[in-house]
N, C-alpha and C. Protein backbone atom coordinates (compact mmCIF):
# COMPACT_ATOMS: atom_id res chain seq x y z
N MET A 1 58.74 85.40 74.15
CA MET A 1 60.13 84.71 73.52
C MET A 1 61.31 85.70 73.65
N LYS A 2 61.01 87.13 73.79
CA LYS A 2 62.35 87.71 74.28
C LYS A 2 62.83 87.60 75.46
N ASP A 3 61.94 87.37 76.46
CA ASP A 3 62.58 87.17 77.69
C ASP A 3 63.45 85.64 77.39
N ALA A 4 62.83 84.58 76.73
CA ALA A 4 63.56 83.79 76.80
C ALA A 4 64.92 83.69 76.16
N ARG A 5 65.06 84.69 75.14
CA ARG A 5 66.57 84.94 74.65
C ARG A 5 67.53 85.54 75.43
N TYR A 6 66.70 86.57 76.45
CA TYR A 6 67.79 87.12 77.30
C TYR A 6 68.27 86.32 78.13
N SER A 7 67.45 85.19 78.90
CA SER A 7 67.78 84.18 79.74
C SER A 7 69.04 83.15 78.96
N LEU A 8 68.91 83.06 77.74
CA LEU A 8 69.72 82.16 77.04
C LEU A 8 71.24 82.94 77.00
N ILE A 9 71.07 84.32 76.95
CA ILE A 9 72.45 85.14 76.73
C ILE A 9 72.92 85.25 77.98
N LEU A 10 71.90 85.66 79.04
CA LEU A 10 72.81 85.65 80.55
C LEU A 10 73.13 84.53 81.16
N LEU A 11 72.18 83.22 80.90
CA LEU A 11 72.93 82.43 81.65
C LEU A 11 74.33 81.99 81.52
N PRO A 12 74.95 81.93 80.18
CA PRO A 12 76.44 81.71 80.26
C PRO A 12 77.55 82.86 81.02
N VAL A 13 76.68 84.04 80.92
CA VAL A 13 77.75 84.88 81.77
C VAL A 13 77.46 84.79 83.11
N PHE A 14 76.33 84.35 83.68
CA PHE A 14 76.03 84.16 85.34
C PHE A 14 77.11 83.05 85.61
N LEU A 15 77.16 81.91 84.73
CA LEU A 15 77.82 80.89 85.05
C LEU A 15 79.25 81.18 84.93
N LEU A 16 79.68 82.04 83.99
CA LEU A 16 81.12 82.12 84.00
C LEU A 16 81.63 82.99 85.39
N VAL A 17 80.62 83.83 85.85
CA VAL A 17 80.83 84.56 86.92
C VAL A 17 81.09 83.61 87.99
N VAL A 18 80.18 83.00 88.16
CA VAL A 18 79.92 82.02 89.52
C VAL A 18 81.28 80.98 89.40
N PHE A 19 81.58 80.40 88.38
CA PHE A 19 82.86 79.60 88.30
C PHE A 19 84.30 80.20 88.48
N ALA A 20 84.11 81.33 88.01
CA ALA A 20 85.25 82.30 88.08
C ALA A 20 85.56 82.63 89.71
N ARG A 21 84.32 83.16 90.40
CA ARG A 21 84.40 83.23 91.68
C ARG A 21 84.94 81.91 92.52
N LEU A 22 84.18 80.71 92.18
CA LEU A 22 84.74 79.69 93.09
C LEU A 22 86.23 79.26 92.61
N ALA A 23 86.72 79.48 91.40
CA ALA A 23 87.92 79.33 91.13
C ALA A 23 89.05 80.30 91.85
N LEU A 24 88.68 81.17 92.11
CA LEU A 24 89.48 82.36 92.89
C LEU A 24 89.33 82.26 94.46
N ALA A 25 88.36 81.79 94.86
CA ALA A 25 88.06 81.55 96.39
C ALA A 25 88.87 80.71 96.95
N GLY A 26 89.22 80.73 98.00
CA GLY A 26 90.30 79.84 99.05
C GLY A 26 91.50 80.13 98.68
N PRO A 27 92.25 79.72 99.53
CA PRO A 27 93.66 79.58 99.49
C PRO A 27 94.27 78.74 98.18
N GLU A 28 95.52 79.00 97.82
CA GLU A 28 95.75 78.45 96.32
C GLU A 28 96.20 77.14 96.79
N THR A 29 96.81 76.90 97.95
CA THR A 29 97.27 75.46 98.55
C THR A 29 97.14 75.31 99.94
N TYR A 30 97.31 73.98 100.35
CA TYR A 30 97.10 73.67 101.50
C TYR A 30 97.95 74.12 102.58
N ALA A 31 99.24 74.43 101.95
CA ALA A 31 100.17 75.19 102.98
C ALA A 31 99.87 76.38 103.12
N GLN A 32 99.17 77.11 102.41
CA GLN A 32 98.69 78.88 102.63
C GLN A 32 97.51 78.58 103.49
N TYR A 33 96.69 77.64 103.50
CA TYR A 33 95.80 77.47 104.54
C TYR A 33 96.19 77.53 105.94
N VAL A 34 97.25 76.41 106.05
CA VAL A 34 97.87 76.27 107.34
C VAL A 34 98.50 77.28 107.83
N MET A 35 99.13 78.08 107.06
CA MET A 35 99.93 79.50 107.48
C MET A 35 98.95 80.49 107.83
N GLY A 36 97.79 80.58 107.27
CA GLY A 36 96.70 81.41 107.51
C GLY A 36 96.04 81.12 108.83
N GLY A 37 95.76 79.82 109.16
CA GLY A 37 95.52 79.64 110.64
C GLY A 37 96.19 79.76 111.44
N MET A 38 97.70 79.52 111.38
CA MET A 38 98.49 79.93 112.32
C MET A 38 98.90 81.38 112.59
N LEU A 39 98.64 82.31 111.48
CA LEU A 39 98.70 83.36 111.58
C LEU A 39 97.66 84.36 112.47
N VAL A 40 96.57 83.74 112.01
CA VAL A 40 95.12 84.23 112.32
C VAL A 40 95.30 84.09 114.34
N ASN A 41 95.93 83.17 114.67
CA ASN A 41 95.89 82.88 116.04
C ASN A 41 97.08 83.33 116.74
N PHE A 42 97.90 83.74 116.12
CA PHE A 42 99.51 84.16 116.21
C PHE A 42 99.42 85.27 117.44
N ASN A 43 100.31 85.07 118.43
CA ASN A 43 100.64 85.67 119.59
C ASN A 43 102.09 85.67 120.17
N HIS A 44 102.62 86.66 119.56
CA HIS A 44 104.31 86.97 119.68
C HIS A 44 105.05 85.84 118.99
N SER A 45 104.86 84.50 119.15
CA SER A 45 105.54 83.38 118.49
C SER A 45 104.76 82.27 118.38
N LEU A 46 105.33 81.12 117.77
CA LEU A 46 104.36 79.95 117.17
C LEU A 46 104.57 79.06 118.37
N THR A 47 103.93 77.85 118.58
CA THR A 47 103.99 76.64 119.40
C THR A 47 105.09 76.06 118.88
N ASP A 48 105.80 75.08 119.70
CA ASP A 48 106.41 74.10 118.94
C ASP A 48 105.67 73.16 118.05
N ALA A 49 104.64 72.84 118.13
CA ALA A 49 103.65 72.08 117.47
C ALA A 49 103.64 72.78 116.19
N GLU A 50 103.40 74.11 116.21
CA GLU A 50 103.17 74.79 114.93
C GLU A 50 104.33 74.62 113.88
N LYS A 51 105.49 74.97 114.76
CA LYS A 51 106.97 74.96 114.10
C LYS A 51 107.24 73.69 113.46
N ALA A 52 106.95 72.68 114.28
CA ALA A 52 106.70 71.20 113.57
C ALA A 52 106.05 71.03 112.34
N GLU A 53 104.79 71.50 112.34
CA GLU A 53 103.88 71.32 111.21
C GLU A 53 104.66 72.13 109.88
N LEU A 54 105.14 73.58 110.29
CA LEU A 54 105.62 74.14 109.04
C LEU A 54 106.86 73.65 108.60
N LYS A 55 107.65 72.99 109.36
CA LYS A 55 108.88 72.22 108.89
C LYS A 55 108.42 70.88 107.92
N ALA A 56 107.23 70.37 108.19
CA ALA A 56 106.85 69.54 107.52
C ALA A 56 106.35 69.82 105.96
N LEU A 57 105.82 71.13 106.16
CA LEU A 57 105.35 71.75 105.03
C LEU A 57 106.37 72.32 104.35
N ILE A 58 107.78 72.51 104.62
CA ILE A 58 108.73 72.74 104.20
C ILE A 58 109.52 71.61 103.34
N GLU A 59 109.47 70.46 103.99
CA GLU A 59 109.88 69.16 103.33
C GLU A 59 109.02 68.87 102.50
N ASP A 60 107.66 68.88 102.39
CA ASP A 60 106.59 68.66 101.50
C ASP A 60 106.99 69.12 100.17
N SER A 61 107.27 68.02 99.14
CA SER A 61 107.54 68.34 97.67
C SER A 61 106.27 68.89 97.18
N ARG A 62 105.08 69.07 97.36
CA ARG A 62 104.03 69.88 97.02
C ARG A 62 104.13 71.48 97.21
N SER A 63 104.92 71.70 98.32
CA SER A 63 104.98 73.11 98.75
C SER A 63 105.67 73.62 97.63
N ARG A 64 105.19 75.15 97.39
CA ARG A 64 105.91 75.86 96.50
C ARG A 64 107.27 76.36 96.99
N GLU A 65 107.96 76.97 96.31
CA GLU A 65 109.50 77.44 96.68
C GLU A 65 109.11 78.81 97.68
N HIS A 66 107.98 79.75 97.31
CA HIS A 66 107.88 80.73 97.82
C HIS A 66 107.07 80.36 99.20
N GLU A 67 106.61 79.35 99.29
CA GLU A 67 105.69 78.78 100.48
C GLU A 67 106.73 78.39 101.68
N ARG A 68 107.76 77.60 100.91
CA ARG A 68 108.95 77.57 101.88
C ARG A 68 109.56 78.75 102.57
N VAL A 69 109.70 79.47 101.85
CA VAL A 69 110.49 81.00 102.25
C VAL A 69 109.36 81.65 103.53
N LEU A 70 108.21 81.20 103.05
CA LEU A 70 106.92 82.00 104.17
C LEU A 70 107.04 81.20 105.12
N ALA A 71 106.98 79.95 104.98
CA ALA A 71 107.12 79.27 106.40
C ALA A 71 108.48 79.40 107.09
N HIS A 72 109.56 79.36 106.57
CA HIS A 72 110.79 79.52 107.28
C HIS A 72 110.78 81.03 108.03
N VAL A 73 110.10 81.97 107.64
CA VAL A 73 110.25 83.20 108.08
C VAL A 73 109.13 83.02 109.19
N LEU A 74 107.93 82.54 108.86
CA LEU A 74 106.91 82.44 110.03
C LEU A 74 107.68 81.60 111.28
N ILE A 75 108.26 80.41 111.12
CA ILE A 75 109.12 79.95 111.87
C ILE A 75 110.03 80.89 113.01
N ASN A 76 110.68 81.83 112.25
CA ASN A 76 111.85 82.67 112.77
C ASN A 76 111.01 83.62 113.56
N VAL A 77 109.76 84.11 113.33
CA VAL A 77 109.14 85.39 114.11
C VAL A 77 109.19 85.13 115.57
N GLN A 78 109.73 86.28 116.17
CA GLN A 78 109.72 86.41 117.30
C GLN A 78 109.06 87.73 117.77
N HIS A 79 107.84 87.86 118.22
CA HIS A 79 106.95 89.34 117.99
C HIS A 79 106.84 89.95 116.49
N THR A 80 108.06 89.92 115.86
CA THR A 80 107.73 90.54 114.31
C THR A 80 108.86 90.02 113.72
N VAL A 81 108.76 90.15 112.35
CA VAL A 81 109.60 89.66 111.29
C VAL A 81 111.32 90.11 111.57
N SER A 82 112.04 89.61 111.57
CA SER A 82 113.73 89.93 111.34
C SER A 82 114.04 90.87 110.48
N ALA A 83 115.18 91.75 110.40
CA ALA A 83 115.43 92.37 109.17
C ALA A 83 115.78 91.30 108.14
N ASP A 84 116.56 90.36 108.48
CA ASP A 84 117.01 89.34 107.34
C ASP A 84 115.92 88.90 106.71
N ASP A 85 114.56 88.64 107.39
CA ASP A 85 113.35 87.87 106.90
C ASP A 85 112.89 89.01 106.17
N ARG A 86 113.01 89.98 106.53
CA ARG A 86 112.31 91.29 105.70
C ARG A 86 112.88 91.27 104.33
N VAL A 87 113.98 91.11 104.17
CA VAL A 87 114.72 91.18 102.94
C VAL A 87 113.82 90.23 101.98
N LYS A 88 114.10 88.77 102.47
CA LYS A 88 113.29 87.79 101.91
C LYS A 88 111.99 88.03 101.26
N LEU A 89 111.25 88.48 102.25
CA LEU A 89 109.66 88.88 101.93
C LEU A 89 109.67 90.09 101.00
N ASP A 90 110.43 91.07 100.95
CA ASP A 90 110.45 92.28 99.94
C ASP A 90 110.79 91.52 98.64
N ALA A 91 111.88 90.44 98.61
CA ALA A 91 112.15 90.00 97.37
C ALA A 91 110.84 89.10 96.82
N LEU A 92 110.14 88.58 97.81
CA LEU A 92 109.05 87.86 97.31
C LEU A 92 107.90 88.76 96.78
N LEU A 93 107.84 89.73 97.22
CA LEU A 93 106.76 90.57 97.00
C LEU A 93 107.02 91.19 95.48
N THR A 94 108.40 91.48 95.07
CA THR A 94 108.74 91.90 93.71
C THR A 94 108.72 90.63 92.51
N ASP A 95 108.80 89.59 93.06
CA ASP A 95 109.04 88.44 92.21
C ASP A 95 107.86 88.07 91.46
N LYS A 96 107.50 88.17 90.30
CA LYS A 96 106.51 88.06 89.21
C LYS A 96 106.06 86.59 89.09
N THR A 97 106.62 85.71 89.71
CA THR A 97 106.48 84.17 89.88
C THR A 97 105.55 84.00 91.15
N ALA A 98 105.46 84.73 91.95
CA ALA A 98 104.69 84.86 93.44
C ALA A 98 103.46 84.93 93.04
N SER A 99 102.59 83.98 93.54
CA SER A 99 101.18 84.43 93.56
C SER A 99 100.52 85.12 94.47
N ILE A 100 99.21 85.66 94.12
CA ILE A 100 98.60 86.60 94.84
C ILE A 100 98.68 86.27 96.57
N GLY A 101 98.48 84.72 96.78
CA GLY A 101 98.33 84.35 97.99
C GLY A 101 99.59 84.20 98.68
N GLU A 102 100.59 84.28 98.17
CA GLU A 102 102.02 84.05 98.66
C GLU A 102 102.41 85.83 98.89
N LYS A 103 101.96 86.53 98.26
CA LYS A 103 102.07 87.91 98.23
C LYS A 103 101.25 88.62 99.43
N LEU A 104 100.28 88.10 99.55
CA LEU A 104 99.35 88.30 100.71
C LEU A 104 100.02 87.79 102.05
N MET A 105 100.35 86.61 102.00
CA MET A 105 100.96 86.37 103.29
C MET A 105 102.41 86.89 103.57
N ALA A 106 103.17 87.45 102.56
CA ALA A 106 104.37 87.99 102.86
C ALA A 106 104.13 89.37 103.32
N THR A 107 102.79 90.08 103.02
CA THR A 107 102.54 91.47 103.24
C THR A 107 102.02 91.39 104.86
N ILE A 108 101.40 90.44 105.22
CA ILE A 108 100.72 90.34 106.65
C ILE A 108 101.81 89.88 107.44
N LEU A 109 102.74 89.20 106.73
CA LEU A 109 103.68 88.92 107.82
C LEU A 109 104.97 90.30 108.27
N LEU A 110 104.77 91.01 107.02
CA LEU A 110 105.46 92.25 107.34
C LEU A 110 104.84 93.24 108.05
N ASN A 111 103.75 93.15 108.30
CA ASN A 111 102.88 94.01 109.21
C ASN A 111 102.74 93.34 110.36
N LEU A 112 103.09 92.11 110.77
CA LEU A 112 102.91 91.52 112.13
C LEU A 112 103.74 92.01 113.28
N ASN A 113 103.02 92.39 114.21
CA ASN A 113 103.72 93.17 115.18
C ASN A 113 102.97 92.51 116.54
N HIS A 114 103.36 91.50 117.19
CA HIS A 114 103.12 90.56 118.25
C HIS A 114 101.87 89.84 118.19
N THR A 115 100.86 90.46 117.10
CA THR A 115 99.65 89.73 116.77
C THR A 115 99.47 90.33 115.31
N MET A 116 98.38 89.50 114.75
CA MET A 116 97.98 90.12 113.41
C MET A 116 97.17 91.38 113.50
N ALA A 117 96.99 92.06 112.82
CA ALA A 117 95.92 93.28 112.72
C ALA A 117 94.46 92.64 112.37
N ASP A 118 93.46 93.29 112.74
CA ASP A 118 92.11 93.08 112.30
C ASP A 118 91.92 93.06 110.71
N ALA A 119 92.57 93.83 110.17
CA ALA A 119 92.34 94.36 108.89
C ALA A 119 93.25 93.04 107.91
N ASP A 120 94.30 92.62 108.43
CA ASP A 120 94.98 91.73 107.91
C ASP A 120 94.04 90.28 108.06
N LYS A 121 93.27 90.19 109.11
CA LYS A 121 92.46 88.96 109.42
C LYS A 121 91.39 89.16 108.44
N ASP A 122 90.70 90.26 108.12
CA ASP A 122 89.81 90.67 107.32
C ASP A 122 90.25 89.92 105.97
N LYS A 123 91.49 90.17 105.51
CA LYS A 123 91.86 89.85 104.29
C LYS A 123 92.42 88.34 104.06
N LEU A 124 92.59 87.89 105.09
CA LEU A 124 92.78 86.40 104.91
C LEU A 124 91.22 85.56 104.94
N LEU A 125 90.39 86.20 105.70
CA LEU A 125 89.24 85.54 105.37
C LEU A 125 88.50 85.72 104.01
N ARG A 126 88.60 86.98 103.53
CA ARG A 126 88.14 87.16 101.97
C ARG A 126 88.80 86.56 101.13
N PHE A 127 90.08 86.18 101.32
CA PHE A 127 90.59 85.08 100.12
C PHE A 127 90.69 83.56 100.54
N GLY A 128 89.92 83.61 101.74
CA GLY A 128 89.54 82.27 102.16
C GLY A 128 90.58 81.33 102.54
N HIS A 129 91.76 82.05 103.64
CA HIS A 129 92.52 81.37 103.96
C HIS A 129 91.80 80.92 105.43
N LEU A 130 90.60 81.57 105.90
CA LEU A 130 89.88 81.03 107.12
C LEU A 130 88.66 80.85 106.82
N PRO A 131 88.11 79.90 107.81
CA PRO A 131 86.71 79.77 107.63
C PRO A 131 85.77 80.85 108.00
N PRO A 132 84.57 80.90 107.30
CA PRO A 132 83.80 82.26 107.74
C PRO A 132 83.44 82.59 109.23
N LYS A 133 83.48 83.52 109.75
CA LYS A 133 83.22 83.85 111.03
C LYS A 133 81.75 83.30 111.53
């Protein structure tokens, strides 16, 4: 009887943890998933097709304002982020309305140097911006 009582107590806690993990897993939006995929394969600059896809995300009414900033910065990257775009990313990082995913993308863009660092790829993977290895 005692075991059944503990099971009834632990079951809601277990379900809460599982559902919280599911809610926090994965990119917050499709735009972040797309940008994550582009970043992991980034090599010096984007292709014209990738730039066109980002421009479509910028024009999409479902994209958040910070995602539009990230997309613009990513389009402009030539090996590294420009000084002007660094200012935009720094502002995003200090904006309390920016989401965790948006701040993660901004940090990765600031760290970008020709290609993405393995540590940043791991962050994208853990955040769910990439399919599992």
